[in-house]
Amino acid sequence: MRIVIARCSVDYIGRLKAHLPLATRLLIVKADGSVLVHSDGGSYKPLNWMSPPARLSAAPPDDTDAKAGIIDVWTVQSAKSDDRLVIRIHEHIHETSHDLGVDPGLVKDGVEADLQRLLAEQIHTLGDGYTLVRREYMTAIGPVDILARDADGSTVAIELKRRGDIDGVEQLTRYLELLNRNPLLAPVRGVFAAQQIKPQARVLAADRGIDCLTLDYDAMRGVDNSESRLF
């Protein structure tokens, strides 16, 4: 990755035209060919950019540009279209390059698989007397996240989401309709469990006789002790 701080103007030329007047900006040239133009505001979003595949070429200014104080002209040409980004540099303030290597990618914590594993291990979260039947209980329309039995021995189907919305309730409704056709399991009731449940989902779940359960992921994995909280 090449990082340049420079006083420059920027023109995007192609299907759309855009102009950034002369100012001090951060220019980022990535190994994948993308070039991004940032200011000291606007959060993470660049002011302008060229997506890969693209080719960057640098050339000395022509006589007109040189008289205007330009010392370097970058042209970033898209490989898929005629679009190009032209960066006219008036002053190089700082430049550095780093080889970042291959990024392993984002590893998400608290995904549905983690919630499923933790709730299966802590099935008592649902209430006293609950026992686990199995995770990923397969049906003809897909797997139910967790199948359990309550203290009375009745079957309970649990659908897990990180963020619970109406679609999740609809999904659980379809599972319940199918499971209740099985005389070995019926009657089967449902529990919709998530870290966050939208109000509309709660209303729909209540209308269909489905219980809602909000999961505290940090507490379940033992990094948050609710008894030590002041509030």
C-alpha atoms as a PDB file:
ATOM      1  CA  MET A   1       0.000   0.000   0.000  1.00  0.00           C
ATOM      2  CA  ARG A   2       1.261   3.432  -1.007  1.00  0.00           C
ATOM      3  CA  ILE A   3       0.203   6.397   1.131  1.00  0.00           C
ATOM      4  CA  VAL A   4       0.720   9.933  -0.151  1.00  0.00           C
ATOM      5  CA  ILE A   5      -0.221  13.247   1.417  1.00  0.00           C
ATOM      6  CA  ALA A   6      -0.208  15.971  -1.223  1.00  0.00           C
ATOM      7  CA  ARG A   7      -1.716  19.276  -2.268  1.00  0.00           C
ATOM      8  CA  CYS A   8      -3.649  18.325  -5.345  1.00  0.00           C
ATOM      9  CA  SER A   9      -6.728  18.778  -7.499  1.00  0.00           C
ATOM     10  CA  VAL A  10      -8.699  15.791  -8.739  1.00  0.00           C
ATOM     11  CA  ASP A  11     -10.887  15.266 -11.810  1.00  0.00           C
ATOM     12  CA  TYR A  12     -13.039  12.227 -12.508  1.00  0.00           C
ATOM     13  CA  ILE A  13     -13.700  11.902 -16.238  1.00  0.00           C
ATOM     14  CA  GLY A  14     -16.098   9.373 -17.728  1.00  0.00           C
ATOM     15  CA  ARG A  15     -19.806   8.643 -17.535  1.00  0.00           C
ATOM     16  CA  LEU A  16     -19.884  11.261 -14.782  1.00  0.00           C
ATOM     17  CA  LYS A  17     -17.616  14.251 -14.312  1.00  0.00           C
ATOM     18  CA  ALA A  18     -16.519  15.553 -10.924  1.00  0.00           C
ATOM     19  CA  HIS A  19     -13.908  18.073  -9.811  1.00  0.00           C
ATOM     20  CA  LEU A  20     -12.129  18.509  -6.485  1.00  0.00           C
ATOM     21  CA  PRO A  21     -10.315  21.883  -6.310  1.00  0.00           C
ATOM     22  CA  LEU A  22      -6.813  22.290  -4.976  1.00  0.00           C
ATOM     23  CA  ALA A  23      -6.442  21.174  -1.333  1.00  0.00           C
ATOM     24  CA  THR A  24      -4.300  18.960   0.891  1.00  0.00           C
ATOM     25  CA  ARG A  25      -5.508  15.367   0.653  1.00  0.00           C
ATOM     26  CA  LEU A  26      -4.603  11.782   1.456  1.00  0.00           C
ATOM     27  CA  LEU A  27      -4.057   9.536  -1.564  1.00  0.00           C
ATOM     28  CA  ILE A  28      -4.136   5.764  -1.050  1.00  0.00           C
ATOM     29  CA  VAL A  29      -2.926   3.385  -3.741  1.00  0.00           C
ATOM     30  CA  LYS A  30      -3.723  -0.236  -2.931  1.00  0.00           C
ATOM     31  CA  ALA A  31      -2.140  -3.400  -4.278  1.00  0.00           C
ATOM     32  CA  ASP A  32      -5.413  -4.420  -5.927  1.00  0.00           C
ATOM     33  CA  GLY A  33      -5.197  -1.354  -8.200  1.00  0.00           C
ATOM     34  CA  SER A  34      -7.719   0.836  -6.435  1.00  0.00           C
ATOM     35  CA  VAL A  35      -6.932   4.495  -5.752  1.00  0.00           C
ATOM     36  CA  LEU A  36      -8.790   6.490  -3.091  1.00  0.00           C
ATOM     37  CA  VAL A  37      -8.784  10.230  -2.400  1.00  0.00           C
ATOM     38  CA  HIS A  38      -9.519  11.205   1.224  1.00  0.00           C
ATOM     39  CA  SER A  39      -9.924  14.456   3.115  1.00  0.00           C
ATOM     40  CA  ASP A  40      -9.546  14.957   6.862  1.00  0.00           C
ATOM     41  CA  GLY A  41     -13.307  14.583   7.322  1.00  0.00           C
ATOM     42  CA  GLY A  42     -16.179  12.531   6.039  1.00  0.00           C
ATOM     43  CA  SER A  43     -15.371   9.493   8.162  1.00  0.00           C
ATOM     44  CA  TYR A  44     -14.288   6.421   6.166  1.00  0.00           C
ATOM     45  CA  LYS A  45     -15.734   7.438   2.800  1.00  0.00           C
ATOM     46  CA  PRO A  46     -13.318   8.781   0.150  1.00  0.00           C
ATOM     47  CA  LEU A  47     -14.078  11.978  -1.747  1.00  0.00           C
ATOM     48  CA  ASN A  48     -13.428  10.163  -4.991  1.00  0.00           C
ATOM     49  CA  TRP A  49     -11.920   6.864  -6.051  1.00  0.00           C
ATOM     50  CA  MET A  50     -11.258   4.395  -8.838  1.00  0.00           C
ATOM     51  CA  SER A  51     -12.176   0.778  -8.236  1.00  0.00           C
ATOM     52  CA  PRO A  52     -10.017  -2.111  -9.476  1.00  0.00           C
ATOM     53  CA  PRO A  53      -9.017  -3.276 -11.984  1.00  0.00           C
ATOM     54  CA  ALA A  54      -7.255  -0.037 -12.834  1.00  0.00           C
ATOM     55  CA  ARG A  55      -3.814   1.144 -13.880  1.00  0.00           C
ATOM     56  CA  LEU A  56      -1.970   4.103 -12.389  1.00  0.00           C
ATOM     57  CA  SER A  57       0.533   6.015 -14.478  1.00  0.00           C
ATOM     58  CA  ALA A  58       2.486   9.112 -13.430  1.00  0.00           C
ATOM     59  CA  ALA A  59       3.820  11.696 -15.888  1.00  0.00           C
ATOM     60  CA  PRO A  60       5.477  15.118 -15.723  1.00  0.00           C
ATOM     61  CA  PRO A  61       3.148  18.058 -16.356  1.00  0.00           C
ATOM     62  CA  ASP A  62       2.795  19.665 -19.741  1.00  0.00           C
ATOM     63  CA  ASP A  63       3.751  23.328 -20.171  1.00  0.00           C
ATOM     64  CA  THR A  64       0.305  24.612 -19.191  1.00  0.00           C
ATOM     65  CA  ASP A  65       0.154  22.512 -16.018  1.00  0.00           C
ATOM     66  CA  ALA A  66       3.744  23.377 -15.126  1.00  0.00           C
ATOM     67  CA  LYS A  67       2.951  27.090 -15.302  1.00  0.00           C
ATOM     68  CA  ALA A  68       0.024  26.438 -12.928  1.00  0.00           C
ATOM     69  CA  GLY A  69       2.451  24.983 -10.365  1.00  0.00           C
ATOM     70  CA  ILE A  70       1.717  21.305 -11.024  1.00  0.00           C
ATOM     71  CA  ILE A  71       4.709  19.012 -10.510  1.00  0.00           C
ATOM     72  CA  ASP A  72       3.192  15.602 -11.199  1.00  0.00           C
ATOM     73  CA  VAL A  73       0.118  14.216 -12.959  1.00  0.00           C
ATOM     74  CA  TRP A  74      -1.392  10.857 -11.994  1.00  0.00           C
ATOM     75  CA  THR A  75      -3.809   9.189 -14.365  1.00  0.00           C
ATOM     76  CA  VAL A  76      -5.762   6.239 -13.008  1.00  0.00           C
ATOM     77  CA  GLN A  77      -7.400   4.429 -15.926  1.00  0.00           C
ATOM     78  CA  SER A  78     -10.178   1.903 -15.408  1.00  0.00           C
ATOM     79  CA  ALA A  79      -9.555  -1.414 -17.165  1.00  0.00           C
ATOM     80  CA  LYS A  80     -13.270  -1.959 -17.809  1.00  0.00           C
ATOM     81  CA  SER A  81     -14.348   1.438 -19.163  1.00  0.00           C
ATOM     82  CA  ASP A  82     -13.100   4.789 -20.406  1.00  0.00           C
ATOM     83  CA  ASP A  83     -13.444   6.279 -16.908  1.00  0.00           C
ATOM     84  CA  ARG A  84     -10.303   7.799 -15.470  1.00  0.00           C
ATOM     85  CA  LEU A  85      -9.177   9.711 -12.422  1.00  0.00           C
ATOM     86  CA  VAL A  86      -6.696  12.527 -13.020  1.00  0.00           C
ATOM     87  CA  ILE A  87      -4.799  13.797  -9.967  1.00  0.00           C
ATOM     88  CA  ARG A  88      -2.691  16.924 -10.463  1.00  0.00           C
ATOM     89  CA  ILE A  89      -0.157  17.240  -7.655  1.00  0.00           C
ATOM     90  CA  HIS A  90       1.175  20.648  -6.664  1.00  0.00           C
ATOM     91  CA  GLU A  91       3.184  19.557  -3.616  1.00  0.00           C
ATOM     92  CA  HIS A  92       4.311  16.236  -2.173  1.00  0.00           C
ATOM     93  CA  ILE A  93       4.097  16.515   1.614  1.00  0.00           C
ATOM     94  CA  HIS A  94       4.648  12.938   2.690  1.00  0.00           C
ATOM     95  CA  GLU A  95       4.898   9.497   1.115  1.00  0.00           C
ATOM     96  CA  THR A  96       5.352   5.982   2.459  1.00  0.00           C
ATOM     97  CA  SER A  97       4.795   2.435   1.238  1.00  0.00           C
ATOM     98  CA  HIS A  98       4.082  -0.759   3.158  1.00  0.00           C
ATOM     99  CA  ASP A  99       3.586  -4.375   2.130  1.00  0.00           C
ATOM    100  CA  LEU A 100       0.577  -5.480   4.187  1.00  0.00           C
ATOM    101  CA  GLY A 101       0.618  -9.060   2.923  1.00  0.00           C
ATOM    102  CA  VAL A 102      -2.476 -11.232   2.525  1.00  0.00           C
ATOM    103  CA  ASP A 103      -5.320 -10.265   4.843  1.00  0.00           C
ATOM    104  CA  PRO A 104      -7.033 -13.234   6.554  1.00  0.00           C
ATOM    105  CA  GLY A 105     -10.412 -11.490   6.367  1.00  0.00           C
ATOM    106  CA  LEU A 106     -12.950 -10.501   8.974  1.00  0.00           C
ATOM    107  CA  VAL A 107     -13.696 -13.047  11.684  1.00  0.00           C
ATOM    108  CA  LYS A 108     -17.113 -12.295  13.113  1.00  0.00           C
ATOM    109  CA  ASP A 109     -17.814 -12.887  16.768  1.00  0.00           C
ATOM    110  CA  GLY A 110     -21.324 -13.619  17.913  1.00  0.00           C
ATOM    111  CA  VAL A 111     -22.586 -15.181  14.698  1.00  0.00           C
ATOM    112  CA  GLU A 112     -25.615 -17.459  14.784  1.00  0.00           C
ATOM    113  CA  ALA A 113     -23.450 -20.597  14.982  1.00  0.00           C
ATOM    114  CA  ASP A 114     -21.841 -19.271  18.183  1.00  0.00           C
ATOM    115  CA  LEU A 115     -25.231 -18.440  19.683  1.00  0.00           C
ATOM    116  CA  GLN A 116     -26.525 -21.873  18.797  1.00  0.00           C
ATOM    117  CA  ARG A 117     -23.572 -23.635  20.409  1.00  0.00           C
ATOM    118  CA  LEU A 118     -23.759 -21.557  23.584  1.00  0.00           C
ATOM    119  CA  LEU A 119     -27.507 -21.928  23.986  1.00  0.00           C
ATOM    120  CA  ALA A 120     -27.261 -25.679  23.451  1.00  0.00           C
ATOM    121  CA  GLU A 121     -24.603 -25.839  26.176  1.00  0.00           C
ATOM    122  CA  GLN A 122     -26.688 -23.581  28.435  1.00  0.00           C
ATOM    123  CA  ILE A 123     -30.145 -24.890  27.620  1.00  0.00           C
ATOM    124  CA  HIS A 124     -31.249 -23.904  31.128  1.00  0.00           C
ATOM    125  CA  THR A 125     -31.330 -20.345  29.798  1.00  0.00           C
ATOM    126  CA  LEU A 126     -34.763 -21.235  28.445  1.00  0.00           C
ATOM    127  CA  GLY A 127     -35.977 -22.215  31.909  1.00  0.00           C
ATOM    128  CA  ASP A 128     -35.649 -24.854  34.621  1.00  0.00           C
ATOM    129  CA  GLY A 129     -36.028 -28.439  33.514  1.00  0.00           C
ATOM    130  CA  TYR A 130     -35.186 -27.896  29.835  1.00  0.00           C
ATOM    131  CA  THR A 131     -33.159 -30.603  28.091  1.00  0.00           C
ATOM    132  CA  LEU A 132     -31.486 -30.580  24.691  1.00  0.00           C
ATOM    133  CA  VAL A 133     -32.758 -32.992  22.045  1.00  0.00           C
ATOM    134  CA  ARG A 134     -30.334 -31.917  19.328  1.00  0.00           C
ATOM    135  CA  ARG A 135     -28.897 -29.024  17.367  1.00  0.00           C
ATOM    136  CA  GLU A 136     -29.678 -28.601  13.664  1.00  0.00           C
ATOM    137  CA  TYR A 137     -32.754 -30.852  13.770  1.00  0.00           C
ATOM    138  CA  MET A 138     -33.380 -31.552  10.086  1.00  0.00           C
ATOM    139  CA  THR A 139     -36.793 -31.113   8.503  1.00  0.00           C
ATOM    140  CA  ALA A 140     -37.973 -31.269   4.906  1.00  0.00           C
ATOM    141  CA  ILE A 141     -37.647 -27.473   4.615  1.00  0.00           C
ATOM    142  CA  GLY A 142     -34.382 -27.001   6.497  1.00  0.00           C
ATOM    143  CA  PRO A 143     -32.798 -27.453   9.919  1.00  0.00           C
ATOM    144  CA  VAL A 144     -34.337 -26.180  13.145  1.00  0.00           C
ATOM    145  CA  ASP A 145     -31.538 -24.511  15.113  1.00  0.00           C
ATOM    146  CA  ILE A 146     -32.300 -26.269  18.402  1.00  0.00           C
ATOM    147  CA  LEU A 147     -34.890 -28.863  19.380  1.00  0.00           C
ATOM    148  CA  ALA A 148     -35.447 -29.222  23.121  1.00  0.00           C
ATOM    149  CA  ARG A 149     -37.946 -30.462  25.691  1.00  0.00           C
ATOM    150  CA  ASP A 150     -39.305 -28.394  28.552  1.00  0.00           C
ATOM    151  CA  ALA A 151     -39.868 -29.490  32.151  1.00  0.00           C
ATOM    152  CA  ASP A 152     -43.179 -31.126  31.165  1.00  0.00           C
ATOM    153  CA  GLY A 153     -41.562 -33.095  28.349  1.00  0.00           C
ATOM    154  CA  SER A 154     -43.160 -31.038  25.581  1.00  0.00           C
ATOM    155  CA  THR A 155     -41.187 -30.362  22.408  1.00  0.00           C
ATOM    156  CA  VAL A 156     -39.791 -26.861  21.867  1.00  0.00           C
ATOM    157  CA  ALA A 157     -38.314 -25.591  18.589  1.00  0.00           C
ATOM    158  CA  ILE A 158     -35.888 -22.665  18.906  1.00  0.00           C
ATOM    159  CA  GLU A 159     -34.945 -20.384  16.026  1.00  0.00           C
ATOM    160  CA  LEU A 160     -31.815 -18.283  16.615  1.00  0.00           C
ATOM    161  CA  LYS A 161     -30.864 -14.963  15.035  1.00  0.00           C
ATOM    162  CA  ARG A 162     -28.360 -12.252  15.851  1.00  0.00           C
ATOM    163  CA  ARG A 163     -31.010  -9.662  15.040  1.00  0.00           C
ATOM    164  CA  GLY A 164     -34.549 -10.932  15.106  1.00  0.00           C
ATOM    165  CA  ASP A 165     -37.001  -9.556  12.571  1.00  0.00           C
ATOM    166  CA  ILE A 166     -40.286 -10.628  11.003  1.00  0.00           C
ATOM    167  CA  ASP A 167     -38.581 -12.975   8.518  1.00  0.00           C
ATOM    168  CA  GLY A 168     -37.177 -15.018  11.395  1.00  0.00           C
ATOM    169  CA  VAL A 169     -40.621 -15.385  12.963  1.00  0.00           C
ATOM    170  CA  GLU A 170     -42.043 -16.459   9.613  1.00  0.00           C
ATOM    171  CA  GLN A 171     -39.282 -19.043   9.277  1.00  0.00           C
ATOM    172  CA  LEU A 172     -40.011 -20.484  12.719  1.00  0.00           C
ATOM    173  CA  THR A 173     -43.750 -20.536  11.921  1.00  0.00           C
ATOM    174  CA  ARG A 174     -43.078 -22.757   8.909  1.00  0.00           C
ATOM    175  CA  TYR A 175     -40.972 -25.116  11.014  1.00  0.00           C
ATOM    176  CA  LEU A 176     -43.683 -25.355  13.679  1.00  0.00           C
ATOM    177  CA  GLU A 177     -46.371 -26.113  11.128  1.00  0.00           C
ATOM    178  CA  LEU A 178     -44.284 -28.985   9.778  1.00  0.00           C
ATOM    179  CA  LEU A 179     -43.127 -30.336  13.151  1.00  0.00           C
ATOM    180  CA  ASN A 180     -46.646 -30.395  14.540  1.00  0.00           C
ATOM    181  CA  ARG A 181     -47.618 -32.886  11.841  1.00  0.00           C
ATOM    182  CA  ASN A 182     -45.290 -35.416  13.484  1.00  0.00           C
ATOM    183  CA  PRO A 183     -47.233 -37.300  16.193  1.00  0.00           C
ATOM    184  CA  LEU A 184     -43.974 -38.209  17.933  1.00  0.00           C
ATOM    185  CA  LEU A 185     -43.162 -34.529  18.474  1.00  0.00           C
ATOM    186  CA  ALA A 186     -46.530 -32.754  18.652  1.00  0.00           C
ATOM    187  CA  PRO A 187     -47.482 -30.534  20.265  1.00  0.00           C
ATOM    188  CA  VAL A 188     -44.458 -28.367  19.416  1.00  0.00           C
ATOM    189  CA  ARG A 189     -44.217 -24.758  20.548  1.00  0.00           C
ATOM    190  CA  GLY A 190     -41.683 -22.203  19.390  1.00  0.00           C
ATOM    191  CA  VAL A 191     -39.136 -19.877  20.938  1.00  0.00           C
ATOM    192  CA  PHE A 192     -37.654 -17.041  18.875  1.00  0.00           C
ATOM    193  CA  ALA A 193     -34.258 -16.137  20.371  1.00  0.00           C
ATOM    194  CA  ALA A 194     -31.936 -13.316  19.335  1.00  0.00           C
ATOM    195  CA  GLN A 195     -29.550 -10.705  20.684  1.00  0.00           C
ATOM    196  CA  GLN A 196     -31.954  -8.033  19.487  1.00  0.00           C
ATOM    197  CA  ILE A 197     -35.599  -8.518  18.554  1.00  0.00           C
ATOM    198  CA  LYS A 198     -37.475  -5.865  16.633  1.00  0.00           C
ATOM    199  CA  PRO A 199     -40.820  -4.722  18.061  1.00  0.00           C
ATOM    200  CA  GLN A 200     -42.696  -5.839  14.926  1.00  0.00           C
ATOM    201  CA  ALA A 201     -41.206  -9.319  15.298  1.00  0.00           C
ATOM    202  CA  ARG A 202     -42.334  -9.492  18.938  1.00  0.00           C
ATOM    203  CA  VAL A 203     -45.886  -8.547  17.959  1.00  0.00           C
ATOM    204  CA  LEU A 204     -46.020 -11.174  15.206  1.00  0.00           C
ATOM    205  CA  ALA A 205     -44.509 -13.838  17.483  1.00  0.00           C
ATOM    206  CA  ALA A 206     -47.052 -13.126  20.238  1.00  0.00           C
ATOM    207  CA  ASP A 207     -49.881 -13.327  17.711  1.00  0.00           C
ATOM    208  CA  ARG A 208     -48.696 -16.802  16.695  1.00  0.00           C
ATOM    209  CA  GLY A 209     -48.108 -18.087  20.211  1.00  0.00           C
ATOM    210  CA  ILE A 210     -44.323 -17.976  19.903  1.00  0.00           C
ATOM    211  CA  ASP A 211     -42.237 -16.942  22.909  1.00  0.00           C
ATOM    212  CA  CYS A 212     -39.395 -14.432  22.476  1.00  0.00           C
ATOM    213  CA  LEU A 213     -36.069 -14.630  24.292  1.00  0.00           C
ATOM    214  CA  THR A 214     -33.361 -11.940  24.222  1.00  0.00           C
ATOM    215  CA  LEU A 215     -29.887 -13.443  24.532  1.00  0.00           C
ATOM    216  CA  ASP A 216     -26.973 -11.735  26.297  1.00  0.00           C
ATOM    217  CA  TYR A 217     -24.070 -13.033  24.227  1.00  0.00           C
ATOM    218  CA  ASP A 218     -21.331 -11.647  26.508  1.00  0.00           C
ATOM    219  CA  ALA A 219     -22.919 -13.185  29.598  1.00  0.00           C
ATOM    220  CA  MET A 220     -23.353 -16.529  27.844  1.00  0.00           C
ATOM    221  CA  ARG A 221     -19.675 -16.689  26.934  1.00  0.00           C
ATOM    222  CA  GLY A 222     -18.612 -15.649  30.413  1.00  0.00           C
ATOM    223  CA  VAL A 223     -17.086 -12.232  29.760  1.00  0.00           C
ATOM    224  CA  ASP A 224     -19.841 -10.213  31.404  1.00  0.00           C
ATOM    225  CA  ASN A 225     -21.074 -10.750  34.941  1.00  0.00           C
ATOM    226  CA  SER A 226     -24.530  -9.232  35.329  1.00  0.00           C
ATOM    227  CA  GLU A 227     -24.267  -9.453  39.139  1.00  0.00           C
ATOM    228  CA  SER A 228     -21.331  -7.008  39.162  1.00  0.00           C
ATOM    229  CA  ARG A 229     -23.171  -4.295  37.231  1.00  0.00           C
ATOM    230  CA  LEU A 230     -24.297  -1.102  38.949  1.00  0.00           C
ATOM    231  CA  PHE A 231     -27.225  -0.759  36.507  1.00  0.00           C
END
